[in-house]
C-alpha atoms as a PDB file:
ATOM      1  CA  UNK A   1      -9.982   2.440  20.696  1.00  0.00           C
ATOM      2  CA  UNK A   2      -6.386   3.345  21.444  1.00  0.00           C
ATOM      3  CA  UNK A   3      -3.488   3.455  18.974  1.00  0.00           C
ATOM      4  CA  UNK A   4      -1.786   0.376  20.378  1.00  0.00           C
ATOM      5  CA  UNK A   5      -5.033  -1.557  19.786  1.00  0.00           C
ATOM      6  CA  UNK A   6      -5.636  -0.503  16.179  1.00  0.00           C
ATOM      7  CA  UNK A   7      -1.997  -0.247  15.043  1.00  0.00           C
ATOM      8  CA  UNK A   8      -1.484  -4.024  14.502  1.00  0.00           C
ATOM      9  CA  UNK A   9      -4.699  -4.139  12.449  1.00  0.00           C
ATOM     10  CA  UNK A  10      -3.382  -1.629   9.895  1.00  0.00           C
ATOM     11  CA  UNK A  11      -1.873  -2.753   6.627  1.00  0.00           C
ATOM     12  CA  UNK A  12       1.921  -2.718   6.472  1.00  0.00           C
ATOM     13  CA  UNK A  13       1.681   0.064   3.879  1.00  0.00           C
ATOM     14  CA  UNK A  14      -0.304   2.301   6.224  1.00  0.00           C
ATOM     15  CA  UNK A  15       2.014   1.562   9.133  1.00  0.00           C
ATOM     16  CA  UNK A  16       4.956   2.476   6.889  1.00  0.00           C
ATOM     17  CA  UNK A  17       3.272   5.718   5.781  1.00  0.00           C
ATOM     18  CA  UNK A  18       2.607   6.670   9.398  1.00  0.00           C
ATOM     19  CA  UNK A  19       6.213   6.050  10.411  1.00  0.00           C
ATOM     20  CA  UNK A  20       7.674   7.818   7.373  1.00  0.00           C
ATOM     21  CA  UNK A  21       5.312  10.809   7.648  1.00  0.00           C
ATOM     22  CA  UNK A  22       4.988  10.932  11.421  1.00  0.00           C
ATOM     23  CA  UNK A  23       3.521  14.244  12.569  1.00  0.00           C
ATOM     24  CA  UNK A  24       2.013  15.110   9.195  1.00  0.00           C
ATOM     25  CA  UNK A  25      -1.750  15.444   8.653  1.00  0.00           C
ATOM     26  CA  UNK A  26      -3.436  12.132   7.903  1.00  0.00           C
ATOM     27  CA  UNK A  27      -4.484  11.690   4.274  1.00  0.00           C
ATOM     28  CA  UNK A  28      -8.062  10.574   3.716  1.00  0.00           C
ATOM     29  CA  UNK A  29      -7.086   6.988   2.831  1.00  0.00           C
ATOM     30  CA  UNK A  30      -4.962   6.596   5.982  1.00  0.00           C
ATOM     31  CA  UNK A  31      -7.691   8.030   8.201  1.00  0.00           C
ATOM     32  CA  UNK A  32     -10.235   5.790   6.466  1.00  0.00           C
ATOM     33  CA  UNK A  33      -8.180   2.691   7.256  1.00  0.00           C
ATOM     34  CA  UNK A  34      -7.674   3.785  10.869  1.00  0.00           C
ATOM     35  CA  UNK A  35     -11.403   4.352  11.355  1.00  0.00           C
ATOM     36  CA  UNK A  36     -12.121   1.029   9.636  1.00  0.00           C
ATOM     37  CA  UNK A  37     -10.075  -0.884  12.198  1.00  0.00           C
ATOM     38  CA  UNK A  38     -10.347   1.419  15.223  1.00  0.00           C
ATOM     39  CA  UNK A  39     -13.598   3.300  14.925  1.00  0.00           C
ATOM     40  CA  UNK A  40     -14.330   6.961  14.456  1.00  0.00           C
ATOM     41  CA  UNK A  41     -11.883   9.391  16.052  1.00  0.00           C
ATOM     42  CA  UNK A  42     -13.331  11.094  19.102  1.00  0.00           C
ATOM     43  CA  UNK A  43     -12.045  14.153  20.911  1.00  0.00           C
ATOM     44  CA  UNK A  44     -11.248  12.068  24.000  1.00  0.00           C
ATOM     45  CA  UNK A  45      -9.148   9.492  22.107  1.00  0.00           C
ATOM     46  CA  UNK A  46      -5.494   9.790  23.131  1.00  0.00           C
ATOM     47  CA  UNK A  47      -4.304   9.484  19.534  1.00  0.00           C
ATOM     48  CA  UNK A  48      -6.437  12.311  18.154  1.00  0.00           C
ATOM     49  CA  UNK A  49      -4.679  15.646  17.758  1.00  0.00           C
ATOM     50  CA  UNK A  50      -5.735  18.883  16.139  1.00  0.00           C
ATOM     51  CA  UNK A  51      -8.017  19.131  13.134  1.00  0.00           C
ATOM     52  CA  UNK A  52      -6.568  21.765  10.841  1.00  0.00           C
ATOM     53  CA  UNK A  53      -7.322  22.956   7.342  1.00  0.00           C
ATOM     54  CA  UNK A  54      -4.942  20.311   6.020  1.00  0.00           C
ATOM     55  CA  UNK A  55      -6.577  17.460   7.957  1.00  0.00           C
ATOM     56  CA  UNK A  56      -6.462  15.569  11.222  1.00  0.00           C
ATOM     57  CA  UNK A  57      -3.145  15.233  13.032  1.00  0.00           C
ATOM     58  CA  UNK A  58      -2.111  12.603  15.536  1.00  0.00           C
ATOM     59  CA  UNK A  59      -1.677  13.892  19.072  1.00  0.00           C
ATOM     60  CA  UNK A  60       1.846  14.656  20.297  1.00  0.00           C
ATOM     61  CA  UNK A  61       1.695  11.532  22.469  1.00  0.00           C
ATOM     62  CA  UNK A  62       0.670   9.391  19.475  1.00  0.00           C
ATOM     63  CA  UNK A  63       3.469  10.897  17.351  1.00  0.00           C
ATOM     64  CA  UNK A  64       5.933   9.948  20.094  1.00  0.00           C
ATOM     65  CA  UNK A  65       4.419   6.446  20.254  1.00  0.00           C
ATOM     66  CA  UNK A  66       4.751   5.930  16.490  1.00  0.00           C
ATOM     67  CA  UNK A  67       8.355   7.152  16.633  1.00  0.00           C
ATOM     68  CA  UNK A  68       9.138   4.661  19.396  1.00  0.00           C
ATOM     69  CA  UNK A  69       7.561   1.809  17.409  1.00  0.00           C
ATOM     70  CA  UNK A  70       9.524   2.870  14.327  1.00  0.00           C
ATOM     71  CA  UNK A  71      12.695   2.678  16.432  1.00  0.00           C
ATOM     72  CA  UNK A  72      11.892  -0.909  17.434  1.00  0.00           C
ATOM     73  CA  UNK A  73      10.869  -0.011  20.970  1.00  0.00           C
ATOM     74  CA  UNK A  74       7.838  -1.299  22.889  1.00  0.00           C
ATOM     75  CA  UNK A  75       6.320   1.971  24.080  1.00  0.00           C
ATOM     76  CA  UNK A  76       3.709   2.452  26.754  1.00  0.00           C
ATOM     77  CA  UNK A  77       0.301   3.554  25.472  1.00  0.00           C
ATOM     78  CA  UNK A  78      -0.026   7.311  24.969  1.00  0.00           C
ATOM     79  CA  UNK A  79      -1.542   9.080  27.949  1.00  0.00           C
END
């Protein structure tokens, strides 16, 4: 499932965390909510970035998408 499909299903608190901490690794509780509404992250999902020692990151395209949403824009889905 793509970010624009699961984003509206997130709680306002999680959406706020993602916009305020855009580009940071996803904490366990944020990732848990995302997987609860959007399914497990797969390597071919456009929103999935690198998995580092500090956790999973959103892809660059997803970070840009979140930034656009935070700015009140209606962005195209990440490629």
